[in-house]
Amino acid sequence: QVQPVESGGGLVQAGGSLRLSCEVSGSVFRIRATAWYRQVPGNQRELVAAIASGGTTNYADSVKGRFTISEDNAKKTLYLQMNSLKPEDTAVYYCYSPLSPWGQGTRVTVFS
């Protein structure tokens, strides 16, 4: 089954950093992931960052200046570099591909 596979989450102290990675597996063709979302239980999934094919990026106001979305075409991988993490960044992070269902996500927990 074609599905994004996220990794890189974990437990980190406030002010720390994590880098999330995402590959879309299960297809003989490269399926590009284009965005990161996050979800806290009881809340809707929210867009964190997106990247267009030309490289233009877009960020939620809450993460601007702290998070960076990027992609490595050779490795077929989407990344989210998260710096200066805050407890309110705690969530399950999902990468999004318009041509596949949601993956399992990767959990990020930030403690103060």
C-alpha atoms as a PDB file:
ATOM      1  CA  GLN A   1       0.000   0.000   0.000  1.00  0.00           C
ATOM      2  CA  VAL A   2       1.231   3.469  -0.855  1.00  0.00           C
ATOM      3  CA  GLN A   3       1.707   5.341   2.382  1.00  0.00           C
ATOM      4  CA  PRO A   4       3.928   8.029   3.899  1.00  0.00           C
ATOM      5  CA  VAL A   5       6.346   6.731   6.526  1.00  0.00           C
ATOM      6  CA  GLU A   6       7.338   9.335   9.091  1.00  0.00           C
ATOM      7  CA  SER A   7      10.253   9.070  11.518  1.00  0.00           C
ATOM      8  CA  GLY A   8      12.373  11.186  13.810  1.00  0.00           C
ATOM      9  CA  GLY A   9       9.946  12.028  16.565  1.00  0.00           C
ATOM     10  CA  GLY A  10      10.758  11.664  20.230  1.00  0.00           C
ATOM     11  CA  LEU A  11      10.961  13.246  23.649  1.00  0.00           C
ATOM     12  CA  VAL A  12      12.890  16.507  23.888  1.00  0.00           C
ATOM     13  CA  GLN A  13      13.328  19.311  26.369  1.00  0.00           C
ATOM     14  CA  ALA A  14      11.986  22.748  25.527  1.00  0.00           C
ATOM     15  CA  GLY A  15      14.524  24.657  23.473  1.00  0.00           C
ATOM     16  CA  GLY A  16      15.807  21.513  21.840  1.00  0.00           C
ATOM     17  CA  SER A  17      15.649  20.315  18.246  1.00  0.00           C
ATOM     18  CA  LEU A  18      14.374  17.374  16.240  1.00  0.00           C
ATOM     19  CA  ARG A  19      14.423  16.535  12.561  1.00  0.00           C
ATOM     20  CA  LEU A  20      11.499  14.627  11.107  1.00  0.00           C
ATOM     21  CA  SER A  21      11.782  12.619   7.900  1.00  0.00           C
ATOM     22  CA  CYS A  22       9.165  11.260   5.525  1.00  0.00           C
ATOM     23  CA  GLU A  23       9.255   8.906   2.573  1.00  0.00           C
ATOM     24  CA  VAL A  24       6.265   7.714   0.622  1.00  0.00           C
ATOM     25  CA  SER A  25       6.633   3.970   0.246  1.00  0.00           C
ATOM     26  CA  GLY A  26       4.819   1.305  -1.722  1.00  0.00           C
ATOM     27  CA  SER A  27       4.970   2.751  -5.218  1.00  0.00           C
ATOM     28  CA  VAL A  28       7.281   2.064  -8.132  1.00  0.00           C
ATOM     29  CA  PHE A  29       6.911   5.721  -9.011  1.00  0.00           C
ATOM     30  CA  ARG A  30       8.162   8.511  -6.841  1.00  0.00           C
ATOM     31  CA  ILE A  31       5.260  10.065  -4.975  1.00  0.00           C
ATOM     32  CA  ARG A  32       6.181  13.392  -3.537  1.00  0.00           C
ATOM     33  CA  ALA A  33       5.194  14.436  -0.042  1.00  0.00           C
ATOM     34  CA  THR A  34       4.517  18.138   0.113  1.00  0.00           C
ATOM     35  CA  ALA A  35       3.613  19.180   3.645  1.00  0.00           C
ATOM     36  CA  TRP A  36       3.733  18.472   7.355  1.00  0.00           C
ATOM     37  CA  TYR A  37       0.663  18.523   9.587  1.00  0.00           C
ATOM     38  CA  ARG A  38       0.280  17.930  13.295  1.00  0.00           C
ATOM     39  CA  GLN A  39      -2.543  16.852  15.524  1.00  0.00           C
ATOM     40  CA  VAL A  40      -3.201  16.983  19.235  1.00  0.00           C
ATOM     41  CA  PRO A  41      -5.884  14.602  20.571  1.00  0.00           C
ATOM     42  CA  GLY A  42      -9.253  16.302  20.480  1.00  0.00           C
ATOM     43  CA  ASN A  43      -8.114  18.904  17.966  1.00  0.00           C
ATOM     44  CA  GLN A  44      -8.199  19.075  14.189  1.00  0.00           C
ATOM     45  CA  ARG A  45      -5.108  18.283  12.185  1.00  0.00           C
ATOM     46  CA  GLU A  46      -3.347  21.542  11.375  1.00  0.00           C
ATOM     47  CA  LEU A  47      -0.912  22.514   8.647  1.00  0.00           C
ATOM     48  CA  VAL A  48       2.581  23.165   9.956  1.00  0.00           C
ATOM     49  CA  ALA A  49       4.603  23.693   6.777  1.00  0.00           C
ATOM     50  CA  ALA A  50       4.347  23.100   3.043  1.00  0.00           C
ATOM     51  CA  ILE A  51       6.736  23.139   0.118  1.00  0.00           C
ATOM     52  CA  ALA A  52       5.881  23.605  -3.534  1.00  0.00           C
ATOM     53  CA  SER A  53       7.645  21.859  -6.386  1.00  0.00           C
ATOM     54  CA  GLY A  54       9.550  25.054  -7.131  1.00  0.00           C
ATOM     55  CA  GLY A  55      10.785  25.251  -3.558  1.00  0.00           C
ATOM     56  CA  THR A  56       8.461  27.929  -2.224  1.00  0.00           C
ATOM     57  CA  THR A  57       7.672  27.278   1.432  1.00  0.00           C
ATOM     58  CA  ASN A  58       4.805  28.232   3.687  1.00  0.00           C
ATOM     59  CA  TYR A  59       4.595  28.004   7.479  1.00  0.00           C
ATOM     60  CA  ALA A  60       2.029  28.292  10.214  1.00  0.00           C
ATOM     61  CA  ASP A  61       2.547  31.495  12.170  1.00  0.00           C
ATOM     62  CA  SER A  62       3.235  29.495  15.318  1.00  0.00           C
ATOM     63  CA  VAL A  63       6.357  27.862  13.833  1.00  0.00           C
ATOM     64  CA  LYS A  64       7.774  30.595  11.602  1.00  0.00           C
ATOM     65  CA  GLY A  65      11.436  31.194  12.304  1.00  0.00           C
ATOM     66  CA  ARG A  66      11.757  27.909  14.209  1.00  0.00           C
ATOM     67  CA  PHE A  67      10.834  25.158  11.733  1.00  0.00           C
ATOM     68  CA  THR A  68      12.224  24.549   8.258  1.00  0.00           C
ATOM     69  CA  ILE A  69      10.707  22.260   5.650  1.00  0.00           C
ATOM     70  CA  SER A  70      12.943  20.842   2.947  1.00  0.00           C
ATOM     71  CA  GLU A  71      13.178  17.936   0.546  1.00  0.00           C
ATOM     72  CA  ASP A  72      15.943  15.814  -0.856  1.00  0.00           C
ATOM     73  CA  ASN A  73      14.942  14.720  -4.338  1.00  0.00           C
ATOM     74  CA  ALA A  74      17.786  12.232  -4.600  1.00  0.00           C
ATOM     75  CA  LYS A  75      16.698  10.529  -1.389  1.00  0.00           C
ATOM     76  CA  LYS A  76      12.983  11.048  -2.127  1.00  0.00           C
ATOM     77  CA  THR A  77      12.609  12.365   1.409  1.00  0.00           C
ATOM     78  CA  LEU A  78      10.761  15.269   2.985  1.00  0.00           C
ATOM     79  CA  TYR A  79      12.196  16.793   6.149  1.00  0.00           C
ATOM     80  CA  LEU A  80      11.041  19.065   8.937  1.00  0.00           C
ATOM     81  CA  GLN A  81      13.816  20.623  11.000  1.00  0.00           C
ATOM     82  CA  MET A  82      12.336  21.798  14.280  1.00  0.00           C
ATOM     83  CA  ASN A  83      14.385  24.131  16.473  1.00  0.00           C
ATOM     84  CA  SER A  84      13.598  26.015  19.670  1.00  0.00           C
ATOM     85  CA  LEU A  85      10.869  23.530  20.440  1.00  0.00           C
ATOM     86  CA  LYS A  86       8.115  24.509  22.848  1.00  0.00           C
ATOM     87  CA  PRO A  87       5.734  22.354  24.910  1.00  0.00           C
ATOM     88  CA  GLU A  88       2.892  23.537  22.653  1.00  0.00           C
ATOM     89  CA  ASP A  89       4.635  21.817  19.733  1.00  0.00           C
ATOM     90  CA  THR A  90       3.768  18.477  21.332  1.00  0.00           C
ATOM     91  CA  ALA A  91       1.667  16.525  18.824  1.00  0.00           C
ATOM     92  CA  VAL A  92       1.684  13.672  16.357  1.00  0.00           C
ATOM     93  CA  TYR A  93       3.260  14.915  13.142  1.00  0.00           C
ATOM     94  CA  TYR A  94       2.128  13.610   9.772  1.00  0.00           C
ATOM     95  CA  CYS A  95       3.521  14.205   6.350  1.00  0.00           C
ATOM     96  CA  TYR A  96       1.061  14.763   3.552  1.00  0.00           C
ATOM     97  CA  SER A  97       1.071  13.517   0.014  1.00  0.00           C
ATOM     98  CA  PRO A  98      -1.830  14.355  -2.306  1.00  0.00           C
ATOM     99  CA  LEU A  99      -1.594  10.909  -3.893  1.00  0.00           C
ATOM    100  CA  SER A 100      -1.665   8.697  -0.795  1.00  0.00           C
ATOM    101  CA  PRO A 101      -3.594   8.251   2.439  1.00  0.00           C
ATOM    102  CA  TRP A 102      -2.257   9.494   5.761  1.00  0.00           C
ATOM    103  CA  GLY A 103       0.518   7.525   7.432  1.00  0.00           C
ATOM    104  CA  GLN A 104       0.905   6.591  11.088  1.00  0.00           C
ATOM    105  CA  GLY A 105       2.666   9.804  12.031  1.00  0.00           C
ATOM    106  CA  THR A 106       5.534  10.324  14.435  1.00  0.00           C
ATOM    107  CA  ARG A 107       5.006  11.575  17.979  1.00  0.00           C
ATOM    108  CA  VAL A 108       6.830  14.634  19.272  1.00  0.00           C
ATOM    109  CA  THR A 109       6.739  15.392  22.986  1.00  0.00           C
ATOM    110  CA  VAL A 110       8.346  18.566  24.311  1.00  0.00           C
ATOM    111  CA  PHE A 111       8.707  18.937  28.080  1.00  0.00           C
ATOM    112  CA  SER A 112       9.629  22.034  30.041  1.00  0.00           C
END
